[in-house]
Amino acid sequence: MKRSEGQALKTITNVFDLDTFFSNEFAEHQEVFTKTQLAVQNAFAHLVTAAAESIRNGGKLIFFGNGGSAADAQHLATELTVRYRHNRPAIAAMALTTDTSALTAIGNDLGFEHLFSRQLEAIAKPDDLIIAISTSGKSPNVIEALKTAQTLKIKAAGFTGGDGGLMKDYADPLLIVPSKTTSRIQEMHIFLGQMLCAALEYALGLDEESLKK
């Protein structure tokens, strides 16, 4: 270890117990992981079924969220349109967080709360499935989009945390991570989202073994 690195580590460990911090982070993650597994299994199965039905009927999956959830939305849409575990036909998916012209125009002209709902009005179709992501379940623009989906009679699902927030009234299935810690909720969201990608490949017959037949 270089001297500067050693000095930096010494400085950090003088401020707080880094070993304890490291262990506690893993312990909290494992606790939330176990609770989530028990809490969302049925909702996850319903989500996979709804997503597969949407794709089979010519629809698409539309992901959206704010901040870290926006990154998750883009991540998952890309896993589906490009590839997850292996090369296979594309799965129709998109994120509403990538068009900077649309985002800035909507925010400036209509208000930030309409960021996603306005896009849904323009592009969402009856066989689509929208998947909202919010760690709190209370983000105004996410709730507004879910209300719009309800008006348009488009099925809406979601990922959230805590007690589910307002999303409980507008998203079904709703995968609720039983934690109040944003970082832990986000970890579970991307884990469950990637499980969705893998499960969809199997449900749609696009897994490696099916493609070989």
N, C-alpha and C. Protein backbone atom coordinates (compact mmCIF):
# COMPACT_ATOMS: atom_id res chain seq x y z
N MET A 1 0.84 -1.20 0.00
CA MET A 1 0.00 0.00 0.00
C MET A 1 0.87 1.24 0.00
N LYS A 2 0.55 2.20 -0.87
CA LYS A 2 1.30 3.44 -0.91
C LYS A 2 1.10 4.21 0.39
N ARG A 3 2.09 5.05 0.71
CA ARG A 3 2.03 5.79 1.96
C ARG A 3 0.77 6.67 2.04
N SER A 4 0.44 7.34 0.91
CA SER A 4 -0.71 8.23 0.90
C SER A 4 -2.01 7.46 1.15
N GLU A 5 -2.09 6.22 0.60
CA GLU A 5 -3.27 5.40 0.81
C GLU A 5 -3.37 4.97 2.26
N GLY A 6 -2.22 4.60 2.83
CA GLY A 6 -2.19 4.20 4.22
C GLY A 6 -2.58 5.34 5.14
N GLN A 7 -2.11 6.54 4.83
CA GLN A 7 -2.45 7.70 5.64
C GLN A 7 -3.94 8.00 5.55
N ALA A 8 -4.49 7.85 4.32
CA ALA A 8 -5.91 8.11 4.14
C ALA A 8 -6.75 7.13 4.93
N LEU A 9 -6.36 5.84 4.89
CA LEU A 9 -7.10 4.82 5.63
C LEU A 9 -7.03 5.08 7.12
N LYS A 10 -5.84 5.49 7.59
CA LYS A 10 -5.67 5.78 9.01
C LYS A 10 -6.55 6.94 9.42
N THR A 11 -6.64 7.95 8.54
CA THR A 11 -7.48 9.11 8.84
C THR A 11 -8.94 8.70 8.93
N ILE A 12 -9.39 7.86 7.99
CA ILE A 12 -10.77 7.40 8.00
C ILE A 12 -11.08 6.63 9.27
N THR A 13 -10.22 5.68 9.60
CA THR A 13 -10.48 4.83 10.76
C THR A 13 -10.38 5.61 12.07
N ASN A 14 -9.70 6.75 12.05
CA ASN A 14 -9.67 7.59 13.25
C ASN A 14 -10.99 8.33 13.44
N VAL A 15 -11.71 8.56 12.34
CA VAL A 15 -12.98 9.27 12.41
C VAL A 15 -14.09 8.35 12.90
N PHE A 16 -14.16 7.13 12.39
CA PHE A 16 -15.15 6.17 12.83
C PHE A 16 -14.62 4.76 12.60
N ASP A 17 -15.31 3.79 13.18
CA ASP A 17 -14.87 2.40 13.11
C ASP A 17 -15.30 1.83 11.76
N LEU A 18 -14.38 1.80 10.82
CA LEU A 18 -14.69 1.37 9.46
C LEU A 18 -15.09 -0.10 9.41
N ASP A 19 -14.45 -0.94 10.21
CA ASP A 19 -14.80 -2.36 10.22
C ASP A 19 -16.25 -2.58 10.67
N THR A 20 -16.64 -1.85 11.72
CA THR A 20 -18.02 -1.97 12.21
C THR A 20 -19.00 -1.46 11.18
N PHE A 21 -18.67 -0.33 10.56
CA PHE A 21 -19.51 0.22 9.50
C PHE A 21 -19.71 -0.79 8.39
N PHE A 22 -18.63 -1.40 7.93
CA PHE A 22 -18.67 -2.38 6.85
C PHE A 22 -19.59 -3.54 7.23
N SER A 23 -19.41 -4.07 8.42
CA SER A 23 -20.22 -5.21 8.88
C SER A 23 -21.69 -4.84 9.02
N ASN A 24 -21.95 -3.64 9.55
CA ASN A 24 -23.33 -3.21 9.75
C ASN A 24 -24.06 -3.01 8.43
N GLU A 25 -23.36 -2.49 7.42
CA GLU A 25 -23.99 -2.30 6.12
C GLU A 25 -24.40 -3.64 5.51
N PHE A 26 -23.52 -4.62 5.59
CA PHE A 26 -23.85 -5.94 5.08
C PHE A 26 -24.99 -6.58 5.87
N ALA A 27 -24.96 -6.39 7.19
CA ALA A 27 -26.00 -6.99 8.03
C ALA A 27 -27.37 -6.39 7.70
N GLU A 28 -27.42 -5.07 7.52
CA GLU A 28 -28.69 -4.42 7.19
C GLU A 28 -29.18 -4.86 5.81
N HIS A 29 -28.25 -4.94 4.86
CA HIS A 29 -28.61 -5.40 3.52
C HIS A 29 -29.20 -6.81 3.58
N GLN A 30 -28.55 -7.70 4.29
CA GLN A 30 -29.02 -9.08 4.37
C GLN A 30 -30.38 -9.18 5.05
N GLU A 31 -30.60 -8.34 6.06
CA GLU A 31 -31.90 -8.34 6.75
C GLU A 31 -33.01 -7.89 5.79
N VAL A 32 -32.76 -6.80 5.06
CA VAL A 32 -33.76 -6.30 4.12
C VAL A 32 -33.96 -7.30 2.99
N PHE A 33 -32.88 -7.91 2.53
CA PHE A 33 -32.95 -8.91 1.47
C PHE A 33 -33.89 -10.05 1.86
N THR A 34 -33.72 -10.57 3.07
CA THR A 34 -34.54 -11.69 3.54
C THR A 34 -36.00 -11.28 3.70
N LYS A 35 -36.24 -10.10 4.26
CA LYS A 35 -37.62 -9.63 4.43
C LYS A 35 -38.29 -9.38 3.08
N THR A 36 -37.52 -8.87 2.14
CA THR A 36 -38.07 -8.60 0.81
C THR A 36 -38.46 -9.89 0.12
N GLN A 37 -37.63 -10.91 0.24
CA GLN A 37 -37.93 -12.20 -0.38
C GLN A 37 -39.28 -12.73 0.10
N LEU A 38 -39.56 -12.57 1.37
CA LEU A 38 -40.82 -13.05 1.93
C LEU A 38 -41.99 -12.15 1.55
N ALA A 39 -41.71 -10.86 1.40
CA ALA A 39 -42.79 -9.89 1.21
C ALA A 39 -43.30 -9.78 -0.22
N VAL A 40 -42.44 -10.00 -1.21
CA VAL A 40 -42.84 -9.66 -2.59
C VAL A 40 -42.96 -10.85 -3.54
N GLN A 41 -42.83 -12.05 -3.06
CA GLN A 41 -42.83 -13.20 -3.98
C GLN A 41 -44.08 -13.27 -4.83
N ASN A 42 -45.25 -13.12 -4.23
CA ASN A 42 -46.49 -13.19 -4.99
C ASN A 42 -46.63 -12.02 -5.95
N ALA A 43 -46.29 -10.83 -5.48
CA ALA A 43 -46.37 -9.64 -6.34
C ALA A 43 -45.40 -9.76 -7.51
N PHE A 44 -44.24 -10.35 -7.28
CA PHE A 44 -43.27 -10.53 -8.36
C PHE A 44 -43.82 -11.48 -9.42
N ALA A 45 -44.44 -12.56 -8.99
CA ALA A 45 -45.03 -13.51 -9.94
C ALA A 45 -46.10 -12.83 -10.78
N HIS A 46 -46.92 -11.99 -10.16
CA HIS A 46 -47.95 -11.26 -10.90
C HIS A 46 -47.33 -10.27 -11.88
N LEU A 47 -46.21 -9.64 -11.48
CA LEU A 47 -45.53 -8.70 -12.36
C LEU A 47 -44.98 -9.40 -13.60
N VAL A 48 -44.35 -10.53 -13.42
CA VAL A 48 -43.82 -11.29 -14.55
C VAL A 48 -44.95 -11.69 -15.50
N THR A 49 -46.06 -12.14 -14.94
CA THR A 49 -47.21 -12.54 -15.76
C THR A 49 -47.75 -11.35 -16.55
N ALA A 50 -47.89 -10.21 -15.89
CA ALA A 50 -48.42 -9.01 -16.56
C ALA A 50 -47.47 -8.52 -17.63
N ALA A 51 -46.18 -8.54 -17.35
CA ALA A 51 -45.19 -8.08 -18.33
C ALA A 51 -45.16 -8.99 -19.54
N ALA A 52 -45.19 -10.29 -19.31
CA ALA A 52 -45.16 -11.24 -20.43
C ALA A 52 -46.42 -11.10 -21.29
N GLU A 53 -47.56 -10.91 -20.64
CA GLU A 53 -48.81 -10.74 -21.37
C GLU A 53 -48.76 -9.48 -22.23
N SER A 54 -48.21 -8.42 -21.69
CA SER A 54 -48.08 -7.17 -22.44
C SER A 54 -47.25 -7.37 -23.70
N ILE A 55 -46.10 -8.01 -23.55
CA ILE A 55 -45.21 -8.23 -24.69
C ILE A 55 -45.86 -9.16 -25.72
N ARG A 56 -46.50 -10.22 -25.27
CA ARG A 56 -47.15 -11.16 -26.20
C ARG A 56 -48.25 -10.47 -27.01
N ASN A 57 -48.90 -9.48 -26.40
CA ASN A 57 -50.00 -8.78 -27.08
C ASN A 57 -49.52 -7.59 -27.91
N GLY A 58 -48.20 -7.47 -28.08
CA GLY A 58 -47.67 -6.40 -28.89
C GLY A 58 -47.45 -5.10 -28.16
N GLY A 59 -47.52 -5.14 -26.85
CA GLY A 59 -47.29 -3.95 -26.04
C GLY A 59 -45.83 -3.78 -25.68
N LYS A 60 -45.56 -2.82 -24.84
CA LYS A 60 -44.19 -2.54 -24.39
C LYS A 60 -44.21 -2.22 -22.90
N LEU A 61 -43.06 -2.33 -22.26
CA LEU A 61 -42.91 -2.00 -20.85
C LEU A 61 -42.34 -0.58 -20.76
N ILE A 62 -42.97 0.27 -19.98
CA ILE A 62 -42.57 1.67 -19.86
C ILE A 62 -42.15 1.94 -18.42
N PHE A 63 -40.86 2.16 -18.21
CA PHE A 63 -40.31 2.40 -16.88
C PHE A 63 -40.10 3.89 -16.64
N PHE A 64 -40.24 4.32 -15.38
CA PHE A 64 -39.92 5.71 -15.05
C PHE A 64 -39.74 5.87 -13.54
N GLY A 65 -39.02 6.92 -13.17
CA GLY A 65 -38.77 7.25 -11.78
C GLY A 65 -37.83 8.44 -11.72
N ASN A 66 -37.52 8.89 -10.53
CA ASN A 66 -36.65 10.06 -10.33
C ASN A 66 -35.31 9.66 -9.72
N GLY A 67 -34.26 10.42 -10.07
CA GLY A 67 -32.96 10.20 -9.45
C GLY A 67 -32.42 8.81 -9.67
N GLY A 68 -32.11 8.12 -8.56
CA GLY A 68 -31.62 6.75 -8.68
C GLY A 68 -32.64 5.83 -9.34
N SER A 69 -33.91 6.11 -9.14
CA SER A 69 -34.97 5.31 -9.77
C SER A 69 -35.01 5.56 -11.27
N ALA A 70 -34.63 6.78 -11.70
CA ALA A 70 -34.53 7.05 -13.14
C ALA A 70 -33.42 6.20 -13.74
N ALA A 71 -32.31 6.10 -13.02
CA ALA A 71 -31.20 5.26 -13.49
C ALA A 71 -31.63 3.81 -13.58
N ASP A 72 -32.40 3.34 -12.60
CA ASP A 72 -32.90 1.96 -12.64
C ASP A 72 -33.83 1.76 -13.84
N ALA A 73 -34.68 2.75 -14.10
CA ALA A 73 -35.60 2.66 -15.24
C ALA A 73 -34.83 2.49 -16.54
N GLN A 74 -33.80 3.29 -16.72
CA GLN A 74 -32.99 3.20 -17.94
C GLN A 74 -32.22 1.89 -18.00
N HIS A 75 -31.68 1.48 -16.88
CA HIS A 75 -30.93 0.23 -16.79
C HIS A 75 -31.80 -0.95 -17.24
N LEU A 76 -33.00 -1.04 -16.68
CA LEU A 76 -33.85 -2.20 -16.95
C LEU A 76 -34.39 -2.18 -18.38
N ALA A 77 -34.75 -1.01 -18.87
CA ALA A 77 -35.21 -0.92 -20.26
C ALA A 77 -34.12 -1.38 -21.21
N THR A 78 -32.88 -1.02 -20.92
CA THR A 78 -31.76 -1.41 -21.76
C THR A 78 -31.50 -2.91 -21.71
N GLU A 79 -31.59 -3.48 -20.50
CA GLU A 79 -31.41 -4.94 -20.37
C GLU A 79 -32.40 -5.69 -21.28
N LEU A 80 -33.61 -5.15 -21.40
CA LEU A 80 -34.64 -5.83 -22.18
C LEU A 80 -34.50 -5.58 -23.67
N THR A 81 -34.21 -4.36 -24.07
CA THR A 81 -34.13 -4.08 -25.50
C THR A 81 -32.85 -4.61 -26.13
N VAL A 82 -31.79 -4.73 -25.34
CA VAL A 82 -30.50 -5.18 -25.89
C VAL A 82 -30.27 -6.66 -25.56
N ARG A 83 -29.94 -6.96 -24.32
CA ARG A 83 -29.76 -8.34 -23.88
C ARG A 83 -29.61 -8.35 -22.38
N TYR A 84 -29.87 -9.52 -21.79
CA TYR A 84 -29.63 -9.67 -20.36
C TYR A 84 -28.52 -10.70 -20.16
N ARG A 85 -28.85 -11.99 -20.32
CA ARG A 85 -27.83 -13.02 -20.12
C ARG A 85 -27.20 -13.51 -21.41
N HIS A 86 -27.92 -13.37 -22.51
CA HIS A 86 -27.39 -13.88 -23.78
C HIS A 86 -28.13 -13.20 -24.92
N ASN A 87 -27.66 -13.38 -26.12
CA ASN A 87 -28.32 -12.79 -27.28
C ASN A 87 -29.66 -13.48 -27.53
N ARG A 88 -30.67 -12.66 -27.78
CA ARG A 88 -32.01 -13.17 -28.09
C ARG A 88 -32.79 -12.00 -28.71
N PRO A 89 -33.99 -12.26 -29.27
CA PRO A 89 -34.77 -11.18 -29.85
C PRO A 89 -35.05 -10.08 -28.81
N ALA A 90 -35.13 -8.86 -29.28
CA ALA A 90 -35.36 -7.72 -28.38
C ALA A 90 -36.73 -7.79 -27.72
N ILE A 91 -36.80 -7.31 -26.51
CA ILE A 91 -38.06 -7.19 -25.77
C ILE A 91 -38.39 -5.70 -25.70
N ALA A 92 -39.59 -5.34 -26.11
CA ALA A 92 -39.96 -3.92 -26.22
C ALA A 92 -40.06 -3.26 -24.84
N ALA A 93 -39.19 -2.30 -24.60
CA ALA A 93 -39.18 -1.57 -23.33
C ALA A 93 -38.56 -0.20 -23.54
N MET A 94 -38.94 0.74 -22.69
CA MET A 94 -38.36 2.08 -22.78
C MET A 94 -38.44 2.76 -21.41
N ALA A 95 -37.63 3.79 -21.24
CA ALA A 95 -37.66 4.60 -20.04
C ALA A 95 -38.08 6.02 -20.41
N LEU A 96 -38.86 6.66 -19.56
CA LEU A 96 -39.34 8.01 -19.83
C LEU A 96 -38.39 9.08 -19.27
N THR A 97 -37.15 8.70 -19.05
CA THR A 97 -36.21 9.60 -18.36
C THR A 97 -35.02 9.98 -19.23
N THR A 98 -35.09 9.70 -20.53
CA THR A 98 -33.89 9.87 -21.38
C THR A 98 -33.96 11.01 -22.37
N ASP A 99 -35.16 11.49 -22.69
CA ASP A 99 -35.31 12.55 -23.69
C ASP A 99 -35.22 13.91 -23.01
N THR A 100 -34.05 14.50 -23.05
CA THR A 100 -33.84 15.76 -22.33
C THR A 100 -34.70 16.90 -22.88
N SER A 101 -34.98 16.89 -24.16
CA SER A 101 -35.83 17.94 -24.73
C SER A 101 -37.25 17.84 -24.17
N ALA A 102 -37.78 16.62 -24.14
CA ALA A 102 -39.12 16.41 -23.59
C ALA A 102 -39.16 16.74 -22.11
N LEU A 103 -38.16 16.27 -21.37
CA LEU A 103 -38.13 16.49 -19.92
C LEU A 103 -38.07 17.97 -19.57
N THR A 104 -37.20 18.71 -20.26
CA THR A 104 -37.06 20.13 -19.94
C THR A 104 -38.25 20.94 -20.43
N ALA A 105 -38.83 20.57 -21.57
CA ALA A 105 -40.00 21.29 -22.07
C ALA A 105 -41.21 21.07 -21.16
N ILE A 106 -41.42 19.82 -20.77
CA ILE A 106 -42.54 19.52 -19.88
C ILE A 106 -42.36 20.21 -18.54
N GLY A 107 -41.15 20.11 -17.99
CA GLY A 107 -40.89 20.74 -16.70
C GLY A 107 -41.08 22.25 -16.75
N ASN A 108 -40.63 22.86 -17.84
CA ASN A 108 -40.71 24.32 -17.99
C ASN A 108 -42.13 24.80 -18.30
N ASP A 109 -42.81 24.09 -19.20
CA ASP A 109 -44.10 24.55 -19.70
C ASP A 109 -45.29 24.06 -18.88
N LEU A 110 -45.21 22.85 -18.38
CA LEU A 110 -46.36 22.25 -17.71
C LEU A 110 -46.13 22.01 -16.22
N GLY A 111 -44.87 21.90 -15.82
CA GLY A 111 -44.56 21.63 -14.41
C GLY A 111 -43.96 20.25 -14.23
N PHE A 112 -43.06 20.15 -13.27
CA PHE A 112 -42.31 18.92 -13.03
C PHE A 112 -43.22 17.74 -12.72
N GLU A 113 -44.38 18.02 -12.13
CA GLU A 113 -45.28 16.92 -11.76
C GLU A 113 -45.87 16.21 -12.97
N HIS A 114 -45.77 16.83 -14.15
CA HIS A 114 -46.31 16.23 -15.36
C HIS A 114 -45.23 15.56 -16.23
N LEU A 115 -44.05 15.42 -15.68
CA LEU A 115 -42.90 14.91 -16.44
C LEU A 115 -43.18 13.58 -17.13
N PHE A 116 -43.84 12.68 -16.44
CA PHE A 116 -44.10 11.34 -16.98
C PHE A 116 -45.51 11.21 -17.54
N SER A 117 -46.47 11.84 -16.91
CA SER A 117 -47.86 11.71 -17.36
C SER A 117 -48.05 12.25 -18.77
N ARG A 118 -47.38 13.35 -19.08
CA ARG A 118 -47.52 13.93 -20.42
C ARG A 118 -46.98 12.98 -21.49
N GLN A 119 -45.87 12.34 -21.19
CA GLN A 119 -45.29 11.39 -22.15
C GLN A 119 -46.21 10.18 -22.32
N LEU A 120 -46.81 9.73 -21.22
CA LEU A 120 -47.73 8.60 -21.32
C LEU A 120 -48.93 8.95 -22.20
N GLU A 121 -49.43 10.16 -22.07
CA GLU A 121 -50.54 10.59 -22.90
C GLU A 121 -50.19 10.47 -24.39
N ALA A 122 -48.93 10.72 -24.70
CA ALA A 122 -48.50 10.73 -26.10
C ALA A 122 -48.20 9.35 -26.66
N ILE A 123 -47.63 8.45 -25.84
CA ILE A 123 -47.09 7.22 -26.40
C ILE A 123 -47.68 5.92 -25.86
N ALA A 124 -48.36 5.96 -24.72
CA ALA A 124 -48.84 4.72 -24.11
C ALA A 124 -50.03 4.16 -24.88
N LYS A 125 -50.04 2.84 -25.03
CA LYS A 125 -51.10 2.13 -25.75
C LYS A 125 -51.77 1.12 -24.81
N PRO A 126 -52.98 0.67 -25.15
CA PRO A 126 -53.74 -0.20 -24.25
C PRO A 126 -53.01 -1.45 -23.77
N ASP A 127 -52.17 -2.05 -24.62
CA ASP A 127 -51.50 -3.29 -24.22
C ASP A 127 -50.17 -3.07 -23.53
N ASP A 128 -49.79 -1.82 -23.31
CA ASP A 128 -48.55 -1.52 -22.61
C ASP A 128 -48.69 -1.82 -21.12
N LEU A 129 -47.56 -1.95 -20.45
CA LEU A 129 -47.52 -2.05 -18.99
C LEU A 129 -46.57 -0.98 -18.51
N ILE A 130 -47.05 -0.07 -17.69
CA ILE A 130 -46.14 0.93 -17.13
C ILE A 130 -45.63 0.43 -15.78
N ILE A 131 -44.35 0.68 -15.53
CA ILE A 131 -43.71 0.23 -14.29
C ILE A 131 -43.08 1.43 -13.62
N ALA A 132 -43.73 1.92 -12.58
CA ALA A 132 -43.26 3.09 -11.84
C ALA A 132 -42.29 2.67 -10.75
N ILE A 133 -41.26 3.48 -10.54
CA ILE A 133 -40.26 3.19 -9.51
C ILE A 133 -40.11 4.41 -8.60
N SER A 134 -40.38 4.22 -7.31
CA SER A 134 -40.24 5.30 -6.33
C SER A 134 -39.94 4.69 -4.98
N THR A 135 -38.86 5.07 -4.35
CA THR A 135 -38.50 4.47 -3.07
C THR A 135 -39.51 4.82 -1.98
N SER A 136 -40.10 6.00 -2.07
CA SER A 136 -41.06 6.45 -1.05
C SER A 136 -42.49 6.11 -1.40
N GLY A 137 -42.77 5.99 -2.71
CA GLY A 137 -44.15 5.79 -3.16
C GLY A 137 -44.96 7.07 -3.13
N LYS A 138 -44.28 8.21 -2.98
CA LYS A 138 -44.98 9.49 -2.83
C LYS A 138 -44.58 10.54 -3.86
N SER A 139 -43.68 10.23 -4.77
CA SER A 139 -43.21 11.23 -5.74
C SER A 139 -44.39 11.75 -6.56
N PRO A 140 -44.63 13.07 -6.52
CA PRO A 140 -45.81 13.63 -7.20
C PRO A 140 -45.88 13.30 -8.69
N ASN A 141 -44.74 13.35 -9.40
CA ASN A 141 -44.80 13.07 -10.84
C ASN A 141 -45.05 11.60 -11.12
N VAL A 142 -44.61 10.74 -10.24
CA VAL A 142 -44.88 9.30 -10.39
C VAL A 142 -46.37 9.03 -10.14
N ILE A 143 -46.91 9.63 -9.09
CA ILE A 143 -48.33 9.44 -8.78
C ILE A 143 -49.21 10.01 -9.89
N GLU A 144 -48.83 11.16 -10.44
CA GLU A 144 -49.59 11.76 -11.53
C GLU A 144 -49.59 10.85 -12.76
N ALA A 145 -48.46 10.20 -13.02
CA ALA A 145 -48.37 9.27 -14.15
C ALA A 145 -49.25 8.05 -13.91
N LEU A 146 -49.28 7.56 -12.69
CA LEU A 146 -50.13 6.41 -12.38
C LEU A 146 -51.61 6.76 -12.51
N LYS A 147 -51.96 7.98 -12.13
CA LYS A 147 -53.34 8.44 -12.31
C LYS A 147 -53.69 8.51 -13.79
N THR A 148 -52.74 8.98 -14.59
CA THR A 148 -52.96 9.07 -16.04
C THR A 148 -53.15 7.69 -16.64
N ALA A 149 -52.34 6.74 -16.20
CA ALA A 149 -52.48 5.36 -16.69
C ALA A 149 -53.87 4.82 -16.35
N GLN A 150 -54.35 5.14 -15.16
CA GLN A 150 -55.68 4.70 -14.75
C GLN A 150 -56.74 5.30 -15.66
N THR A 151 -56.59 6.58 -15.99
CA THR A 151 -57.53 7.26 -16.87
C THR A 151 -57.51 6.65 -18.27
N LEU A 152 -56.29 6.31 -18.72
CA LEU A 152 -56.13 5.73 -20.05
C LEU A 152 -56.46 4.24 -20.09
N LYS A 153 -56.76 3.67 -18.90
CA LYS A 153 -57.06 2.24 -18.76
C LYS A 153 -55.88 1.37 -19.21
N ILE A 154 -54.69 1.79 -18.80
CA ILE A 154 -53.46 1.05 -19.06
C ILE A 154 -52.97 0.46 -17.75
N LYS A 155 -52.63 -0.81 -17.76
CA LYS A 155 -52.21 -1.49 -16.53
C LYS A 155 -50.93 -0.88 -15.99
N ALA A 156 -50.88 -0.69 -14.68
CA ALA A 156 -49.73 -0.06 -14.03
C ALA A 156 -49.22 -0.94 -12.89
N ALA A 157 -47.91 -1.14 -12.85
CA ALA A 157 -47.24 -1.87 -11.78
C ALA A 157 -46.20 -0.95 -11.17
N GLY A 158 -45.53 -1.41 -10.11
CA GLY A 158 -44.53 -0.53 -9.52
C GLY A 158 -43.62 -1.21 -8.53
N PHE A 159 -42.53 -0.50 -8.26
CA PHE A 159 -41.57 -0.86 -7.22
C PHE A 159 -41.52 0.30 -6.22
N THR A 160 -41.63 0.01 -4.92
CA THR A 160 -41.52 1.07 -3.93
C THR A 160 -40.97 0.49 -2.63
N GLY A 161 -41.08 1.26 -1.56
CA GLY A 161 -40.56 0.80 -0.27
C GLY A 161 -41.44 1.31 0.86
N GLY A 162 -40.98 1.09 2.09
CA GLY A 162 -41.72 1.57 3.26
C GLY A 162 -43.09 0.93 3.35
N ASP A 163 -44.12 1.79 3.46
CA ASP A 163 -45.50 1.29 3.54
C ASP A 163 -46.21 1.33 2.19
N GLY A 164 -45.46 1.67 1.12
CA GLY A 164 -46.05 1.72 -0.20
C GLY A 164 -46.51 3.10 -0.62
N GLY A 165 -46.69 3.99 0.36
CA GLY A 165 -47.09 5.35 0.04
C GLY A 165 -48.38 5.41 -0.75
N LEU A 166 -48.50 6.41 -1.59
CA LEU A 166 -49.69 6.60 -2.42
C LEU A 166 -49.77 5.62 -3.57
N MET A 167 -48.66 4.98 -3.88
CA MET A 167 -48.65 4.04 -5.00
C MET A 167 -49.59 2.86 -4.77
N LYS A 168 -49.89 2.57 -3.52
CA LYS A 168 -50.78 1.44 -3.22
C LYS A 168 -52.16 1.61 -3.85
N ASP A 169 -52.55 2.85 -4.09
CA ASP A 169 -53.87 3.11 -4.65
C ASP A 169 -53.91 3.05 -6.18
N TYR A 170 -52.71 3.00 -6.81
CA TYR A 170 -52.69 3.15 -8.27
C TYR A 170 -51.89 2.08 -9.01
N ALA A 171 -51.11 1.27 -8.31
CA ALA A 171 -50.26 0.28 -8.97
C ALA A 171 -50.55 -1.12 -8.44
N ASP A 172 -50.77 -2.05 -9.34
CA ASP A 172 -51.02 -3.44 -8.97
C ASP A 172 -50.61 -4.34 -10.14
N PRO A 173 -49.60 -5.18 -9.96
CA PRO A 173 -48.90 -5.49 -8.72
C PRO A 173 -47.93 -4.40 -8.29
N LEU A 174 -47.71 -4.32 -6.99
CA LEU A 174 -46.78 -3.36 -6.41
C LEU A 174 -45.81 -4.11 -5.51
N LEU A 175 -44.53 -4.03 -5.83
CA LEU A 175 -43.49 -4.71 -5.05
C LEU A 175 -42.97 -3.72 -4.01
N ILE A 176 -43.30 -3.96 -2.74
CA ILE A 176 -42.95 -3.04 -1.65
C ILE A 176 -41.80 -3.63 -0.84
N VAL A 177 -40.65 -2.97 -0.89
CA VAL A 177 -39.50 -3.40 -0.10
C VAL A 177 -39.71 -2.94 1.34
N PRO A 178 -39.72 -3.86 2.30
CA PRO A 178 -40.02 -3.50 3.69
C PRO A 178 -38.83 -2.84 4.40
N SER A 179 -38.55 -1.63 4.01
CA SER A 179 -37.45 -0.86 4.61
C SER A 179 -37.74 0.62 4.45
N LYS A 180 -37.21 1.44 5.35
CA LYS A 180 -37.33 2.88 5.25
C LYS A 180 -36.02 3.53 4.80
N THR A 181 -35.00 2.70 4.55
CA THR A 181 -33.68 3.20 4.15
C THR A 181 -33.60 3.23 2.64
N THR A 182 -33.46 4.42 2.08
CA THR A 182 -33.50 4.58 0.63
C THR A 182 -32.48 3.70 -0.09
N SER A 183 -31.26 3.66 0.40
CA SER A 183 -30.21 2.89 -0.28
C SER A 183 -30.54 1.41 -0.29
N ARG A 184 -31.09 0.89 0.78
CA ARG A 184 -31.46 -0.54 0.82
C ARG A 184 -32.62 -0.81 -0.13
N ILE A 185 -33.57 0.10 -0.19
CA ILE A 185 -34.70 -0.06 -1.11
C ILE A 185 -34.20 -0.08 -2.54
N GLN A 186 -33.29 0.83 -2.87
CA GLN A 186 -32.75 0.89 -4.24
C GLN A 186 -32.01 -0.39 -4.59
N GLU A 187 -31.28 -0.96 -3.63
CA GLU A 187 -30.58 -2.22 -3.89
C GLU A 187 -31.55 -3.33 -4.24
N MET A 188 -32.66 -3.38 -3.52
CA MET A 188 -33.65 -4.41 -3.80
C MET A 188 -34.36 -4.15 -5.12
N HIS A 189 -34.59 -2.88 -5.46
CA HIS A 189 -35.28 -2.57 -6.71
C HIS A 189 -34.49 -3.06 -7.92
N ILE A 190 -33.19 -2.79 -7.95
CA ILE A 190 -32.42 -3.21 -9.13
C ILE A 190 -32.27 -4.73 -9.13
N PHE A 191 -32.19 -5.35 -7.97
CA PHE A 191 -32.12 -6.81 -7.90
C PHE A 191 -33.41 -7.43 -8.44
N LEU A 192 -34.55 -6.93 -7.97
CA LEU A 192 -35.84 -7.44 -8.44
C LEU A 192 -36.05 -7.12 -9.91
N GLY A 193 -35.60 -5.96 -10.33
CA GLY A 193 -35.73 -5.58 -11.74
C GLY A 193 -34.95 -6.51 -12.65
N GLN A 194 -33.76 -6.87 -12.24
CA GLN A 194 -32.96 -7.79 -13.06
C GLN A 194 -33.54 -9.20 -13.01
N MET A 195 -34.14 -9.57 -11.88
CA MET A 195 -34.87 -10.84 -11.84
C MET A 195 -36.02 -10.83 -12.84
N LEU A 196 -36.68 -9.68 -12.96
CA LEU A 196 -37.78 -9.55 -13.93
C LEU A 196 -37.26 -9.79 -15.34
N CYS A 197 -36.11 -9.22 -15.67
CA CYS A 197 -35.53 -9.41 -17.00
C CYS A 197 -35.29 -10.89 -17.28
N ALA A 198 -34.69 -11.59 -16.33
CA ALA A 198 -34.40 -13.01 -16.51
C ALA A 198 -35.68 -13.83 -16.61
N ALA A 199 -36.64 -13.54 -15.73
CA ALA A 199 -37.89 -14.29 -15.73
C ALA A 199 -38.66 -14.08 -17.03
N LEU A 200 -38.60 -12.87 -17.58
CA LEU A 200 -39.28 -12.59 -18.84
C LEU A 200 -38.69 -13.41 -19.98
N GLU A 201 -37.37 -13.55 -19.99
CA GLU A 201 -36.74 -14.36 -21.04
C GLU A 201 -37.30 -15.78 -21.02
N TYR A 202 -37.48 -16.34 -19.82
CA TYR A 202 -38.03 -17.69 -19.72
C TYR A 202 -39.51 -17.70 -20.08
N ALA A 203 -40.27 -16.73 -19.56
CA ALA A 203 -41.71 -16.70 -19.79
C ALA A 203 -42.06 -16.53 -21.27
N LEU A 204 -41.20 -15.81 -22.00
CA LEU A 204 -41.44 -15.57 -23.42
C LEU A 204 -40.77 -16.59 -24.33
N GLY A 205 -40.12 -17.60 -23.71
CA GLY A 205 -39.43 -18.62 -24.51
C GLY A 205 -38.18 -18.10 -25.17
N LEU A 206 -37.55 -17.09 -24.57
CA LEU A 206 -36.35 -16.50 -25.14
C LEU A 206 -35.09 -16.85 -24.38
N ASP A 207 -35.20 -17.83 -23.46
CA ASP A 207 -34.02 -18.28 -22.75
C ASP A 207 -33.15 -19.11 -23.68
N GLU A 208 -31.93 -19.31 -23.31
CA GLU A 208 -30.94 -19.94 -24.17
C GLU A 208 -31.37 -21.33 -24.63
N GLU A 209 -31.92 -22.13 -23.73
CA GLU A 209 -32.30 -23.49 -24.09
C GLU A 209 -33.46 -23.50 -25.09
N SER A 210 -34.42 -22.58 -24.89
CA SER A 210 -35.56 -22.52 -25.81
C SER A 210 -35.12 -22.10 -27.20
N LEU A 211 -34.14 -21.18 -27.26
CA LEU A 211 -33.68 -20.69 -28.57
C LEU A 211 -32.91 -21.77 -29.34
N LYS A 212 -32.37 -22.77 -28.65
CA LYS A 212 -31.61 -23.83 -29.31
C LYS A 212 -32.53 -24.84 -29.98
N LYS A 213 -33.80 -24.89 -29.55
CA LYS A 213 -34.73 -25.91 -30.07
C LYS A 213 -35.21 -25.56 -31.46
